PDB file of N, CA and C in Angstrom:
ATOM      1  N   TYR A   1     -36.381  81.259 201.062  1.00  0.00           N
ATOM      2  CA  TYR A   1     -35.106  82.051 200.851  1.00  0.00           C
ATOM      3  C   TYR A   1     -34.246  82.054 202.150  1.00  0.00           C
ATOM      4  N   PHE A   2     -32.968  81.834 201.897  1.00  0.00           N
ATOM      5  CA  PHE A   2     -31.998  81.802 202.863  1.00  0.00           C
ATOM      6  C   PHE A   2     -30.991  82.890 202.584  1.00  0.00           C
ATOM      7  N   SER A   3     -30.616  83.806 203.458  1.00  0.00           N
ATOM      8  CA  SER A   3     -29.509  84.617 203.172  1.00  0.00           C
ATOM      9  C   SER A   3     -28.228  83.959 203.133  1.00  0.00           C
ATOM     10  N   LYS A   4     -27.280  84.548 202.411  1.00  0.00           N
ATOM     11  CA  LYS A   4     -25.926  83.898 202.324  1.00  0.00           C
ATOM     12  C   LYS A   4     -25.126  83.816 203.655  1.00  0.00           C
ATOM     13  N   ASP A   5     -25.381  84.628 204.501  1.00  0.00           N
ATOM     14  CA  ASP A   5     -24.676  84.500 205.786  1.00  0.00           C
ATOM     15  C   ASP A   5     -25.257  83.484 206.789  1.00  0.00           C
ATOM     16  N   THR A   6     -26.089  82.612 206.391  1.00  0.00           N
ATOM     17  CA  THR A   6     -26.749  81.639 207.288  1.00  0.00           C
ATOM     18  C   THR A   6     -25.887  80.278 207.138  1.00  0.00           C
ATOM     19  N   VAL A   7     -26.444  79.121 207.602  1.00  0.00           N
ATOM     20  CA  VAL A   7     -25.735  78.022 207.739  1.00  0.00           C
ATOM     21  C   VAL A   7     -26.087  77.153 206.281  1.00  0.00           C
ATOM     22  N   VAL A   8     -26.681  77.808 205.298  1.00  0.00           N
ATOM     23  CA  VAL A   8     -26.962  77.198 204.145  1.00  0.00           C
ATOM     24  C   VAL A   8     -25.777  76.557 203.460  1.00  0.00           C
ATOM     25  N   THR A   9     -24.563  77.006 203.627  1.00  0.00           N
ATOM     26  CA  THR A   9     -23.467  76.416 202.983  1.00  0.00           C
ATOM     27  C   THR A   9     -23.201  74.973 203.526  1.00  0.00           C
ATOM     28  N   GLY A  10     -23.665  74.650 204.869  1.00  0.00           N
ATOM     29  CA  GLY A  10     -23.614  73.461 205.375  1.00  0.00           C
ATOM     30  C   GLY A  10     -24.594  72.353 205.008  1.00  0.00           C
ATOM     31  N   LEU A  11     -25.558  72.833 204.235  1.00  0.00           N
ATOM     32  CA  LEU A  11     -26.634  71.849 203.773  1.00  0.00           C
ATOM     33  C   LEU A  11     -26.179  70.957 202.699  1.00  0.00           C
ATOM     34  N   LYS A  12     -26.624  69.753 202.773  1.00  0.00           N
ATOM     35  CA  LYS A  12     -26.200  68.774 201.866  1.00  0.00           C
ATOM     36  C   LYS A  12     -27.279  67.751 201.660  1.00  0.00           C
ATOM     37  N   TYR A  13     -27.238  66.923 200.679  1.00  0.00           N
ATOM     38  CA  TYR A  13     -28.275  65.865 200.502  1.00  0.00           C
ATOM     39  C   TYR A  13     -28.658  65.147 201.686  1.00  0.00           C
ATOM     40  N   GLY A  14     -29.918  65.143 202.052  1.00  0.00           N
ATOM     41  CA  GLY A  14     -30.279  64.405 203.339  1.00  0.00           C
ATOM     42  C   GLY A  14     -30.441  65.275 204.482  1.00  0.00           C
ATOM     43  N   SER A  15     -30.052  66.543 204.414  1.00  0.00           N
ATOM     44  CA  SER A  15     -30.214  67.528 205.564  1.00  0.00           C
ATOM     45  C   SER A  15     -31.596  67.786 205.785  1.00  0.00           C
ATOM     46  N   ARG A  16     -32.055  67.985 206.988  1.00  0.00           N
ATOM     47  CA  ARG A  16     -33.395  68.342 207.342  1.00  0.00           C
ATOM     48  C   ARG A  16     -33.557  69.758 207.619  1.00  0.00           C
ATOM     49  N   ILE A  17     -34.601  70.386 207.031  1.00  0.00           N
ATOM     50  CA  ILE A  17     -34.874  71.837 207.143  1.00  0.00           C
ATOM     51  C   ILE A  17     -36.192  71.895 207.945  1.00  0.00           C
ATOM     52  N   ILE A  18     -36.341  72.650 209.027  1.00  0.00           N
ATOM     53  CA  ILE A  18     -37.548  72.857 209.642  1.00  0.00           C
ATOM     54  C   ILE A  18     -38.011  74.347 209.378  1.00  0.00           C
ATOM     55  N   PHE A  19     -39.249  74.385 208.914  1.00  0.00           N
ATOM     56  CA  PHE A  19     -39.858  75.558 208.494  1.00  0.00           C
ATOM     57  C   PHE A  19     -40.971  76.166 209.640  1.00  0.00           C
ATOM     58  N   SER A  20     -41.194  77.278 209.747  1.00  0.00           N
ATOM     59  CA  SER A  20     -41.992  77.781 210.728  1.00  0.00           C
ATOM     60  C   SER A  20     -43.531  77.897 210.210  1.00  0.00           C
ATOM     61  N   THR A  21     -43.749  77.758 208.828  1.00  0.00           N
ATOM     62  CA  THR A  21     -45.083  77.568 208.315  1.00  0.00           C
ATOM     63  C   THR A  21     -45.085  76.284 207.178  1.00  0.00           C
ATOM     64  N   ALA A  22     -46.348  76.103 207.062  1.00  0.00           N
ATOM     65  CA  ALA A  22     -46.349  74.952 205.917  1.00  0.00           C
ATOM     66  C   ALA A  22     -46.113  75.517 204.533  1.00  0.00           C
ATOM     67  N   PRO A  23     -45.667  74.793 203.660  1.00  0.00           N
ATOM     68  CA  PRO A  23     -45.502  75.252 202.184  1.00  0.00           C
ATOM     69  C   PRO A  23     -46.954  75.387 201.591  1.00  0.00           C
ATOM     70  N   VAL A  24     -46.937  76.333 200.630  1.00  0.00           N
ATOM     71  CA  VAL A  24     -48.166  76.635 199.891  1.00  0.00           C
ATOM     72  C   VAL A  24     -48.022  76.158 198.571  1.00  0.00           C
ATOM     73  N   ARG A  25     -49.051  75.457 197.981  1.00  0.00           N
ATOM     74  CA  ARG A  25     -48.914  75.033 196.645  1.00  0.00           C
ATOM     75  C   ARG A  25     -48.894  76.180 195.764  1.00  0.00           C
ATOM     76  N   VAL A  26     -48.107  76.084 194.683  1.00  0.00           N
ATOM     77  CA  VAL A  26     -48.133  77.153 193.662  1.00  0.00           C
ATOM     78  C   VAL A  26     -49.287  77.047 192.639  1.00  0.00           C
ATOM     79  N   ASN A  27     -50.050  78.018 192.511  1.00  0.00           N
ATOM     80  CA  ASN A  27     -51.188  78.130 191.601  1.00  0.00           C
ATOM     81  C   ASN A  27     -50.795  77.957 190.079  1.00  0.00           C
ATOM     82  N   PRO A  28     -51.677  77.169 189.397  1.00  0.00           N
ATOM     83  CA  PRO A  28     -51.382  77.135 187.988  1.00  0.00           C
ATOM     84  C   PRO A  28     -51.785  78.566 187.273  1.00  0.00           C
ATOM     85  N   PRO A  29     -51.152  78.740 186.029  1.00  0.00           N
ATOM     86  CA  PRO A  29     -51.452  79.948 185.406  1.00  0.00           C
ATOM     87  C   PRO A  29     -53.079  80.387 185.371  1.00  0.00           C
ATOM     88  N   ALA A  30     -53.340  81.524 185.554  1.00  0.00           N
ATOM     89  CA  ALA A  30     -54.693  81.955 185.515  1.00  0.00           C
ATOM     90  C   ALA A  30     -55.212  82.450 184.161  1.00  0.00           C
ATOM     91  N   ASN A  31     -54.192  82.985 183.347  1.00  0.00           N
ATOM     92  CA  ASN A  31     -54.413  83.619 182.009  1.00  0.00           C
ATOM     93  C   ASN A  31     -53.810  82.916 180.995  1.00  0.00           C
ATOM     94  N   PRO A  32     -54.351  82.809 179.768  1.00  0.00           N
ATOM     95  CA  PRO A  32     -53.568  82.104 178.599  1.00  0.00           C
ATOM     96  C   PRO A  32     -52.265  82.939 178.364  1.00  0.00           C
ATOM     97  N   GLY A  33     -51.240  82.258 178.271  1.00  0.00           N
ATOM     98  CA  GLY A  33     -49.847  82.825 177.885  1.00  0.00           C
ATOM     99  C   GLY A  33     -49.197  83.148 179.160  1.00  0.00           C
ATOM    100  N   GLU A  34     -49.868  82.983 180.275  1.00  0.00           N
ATOM    101  CA  GLU A  34     -49.127  83.511 181.518  1.00  0.00           C
ATOM    102  C   GLU A  34     -48.095  82.535 181.866  1.00  0.00           C
ATOM    103  N   PHE A  35     -46.930  82.997 182.457  1.00  0.00           N
ATOM    104  CA  PHE A  35     -45.867  82.059 182.852  1.00  0.00           C
ATOM    105  C   PHE A  35     -46.375  80.914 183.734  1.00  0.00           C
ATOM    106  N   ASP A  36     -45.988  79.745 183.495  1.00  0.00           N
ATOM    107  CA  ASP A  36     -46.537  78.529 184.319  1.00  0.00           C
ATOM    108  C   ASP A  36     -45.397  78.148 185.325  1.00  0.00           C
ATOM    109  N   TYR A  37     -45.531  78.878 186.391  1.00  0.00           N
ATOM    110  CA  TYR A  37     -44.285  78.607 187.429  1.00  0.00           C
ATOM    111  C   TYR A  37     -44.442  77.312 188.041  1.00  0.00           C
ATOM    112  N   ALA A  38     -45.568  76.803 188.152  1.00  0.00           N
ATOM    113  CA  ALA A  38     -45.766  75.359 188.765  1.00  0.00           C
ATOM    114  C   ALA A  38     -45.074  74.361 187.794  1.00  0.00           C
ATOM    115  N   GLY A  39     -45.297  74.579 186.540  1.00  0.00           N
ATOM    116  CA  GLY A  39     -44.700  73.817 185.428  1.00  0.00           C
ATOM    117  C   GLY A  39     -43.202  73.913 185.423  1.00  0.00           C
ATOM    118  N   TYR A  40     -42.848  75.201 185.516  1.00  0.00           N
ATOM    119  CA  TYR A  40     -41.348  75.439 185.661  1.00  0.00           C
ATOM    120  C   TYR A  40     -40.605  74.659 186.796  1.00  0.00           C
ATOM    121  N   LEU A  41     -41.269  74.710 187.892  1.00  0.00           N
ATOM    122  CA  LEU A  41     -40.752  74.070 189.166  1.00  0.00           C
ATOM    123  C   LEU A  41     -40.708  72.599 188.904  1.00  0.00           C
ATOM    124  N   ALA A  42     -41.884  72.091 188.369  1.00  0.00           N
ATOM    125  CA  ALA A  42     -41.825  70.637 188.043  1.00  0.00           C
ATOM    126  C   ALA A  42     -40.855  70.090 187.122  1.00  0.00           C
ATOM    127  N   ASN A  43     -40.415  70.967 186.115  1.00  0.00           N
ATOM    128  CA  ASN A  43     -39.385  70.739 185.181  1.00  0.00           C
ATOM    129  C   ASN A  43     -37.979  70.674 185.975  1.00  0.00           C
ATOM    130  N   LYS A  44     -37.780  71.409 187.065  1.00  0.00           N
ATOM    131  CA  LYS A  44     -36.643  71.373 187.825  1.00  0.00           C
ATOM    132  C   LYS A  44     -36.746  70.305 189.056  1.00  0.00           C
ATOM    133  N   VAL A  45     -37.816  69.437 188.867  1.00  0.00           N
ATOM    134  CA  VAL A  45     -38.123  68.343 189.903  1.00  0.00           C
ATOM    135  C   VAL A  45     -38.203  68.902 191.331  1.00  0.00           C
ATOM    136  N   ILE A  46     -38.950  69.977 191.402  1.00  0.00           N
ATOM    137  CA  ILE A  46     -39.198  70.542 192.819  1.00  0.00           C
ATOM    138  C   ILE A  46     -40.774  70.407 192.991  1.00  0.00           C
ATOM    139  N   TYR A  47     -41.095  69.687 193.966  1.00  0.00           N
ATOM    140  CA  TYR A  47     -42.467  69.449 194.181  1.00  0.00           C
ATOM    141  C   TYR A  47     -42.622  69.656 195.726  1.00  0.00           C
ATOM    142  N   HIS A  48     -44.006  69.617 196.187  1.00  0.00           N
ATOM    143  CA  HIS A  48     -44.233  69.491 197.567  1.00  0.00           C
ATOM    144  C   HIS A  48     -45.465  68.575 197.848  1.00  0.00           C
TER     145      HIS A  48
END
């Protein structure tokens, strides 16, 4: 999450972002019928 008053507006394709922690993999749904957030992100072509 980036607040709107940061330098986010200056980001463009190819920009590098340095994080203070490692990304954590999103767990698959644990219950039948539960929202599949990992699948949702994959549909948006967001992986790590």
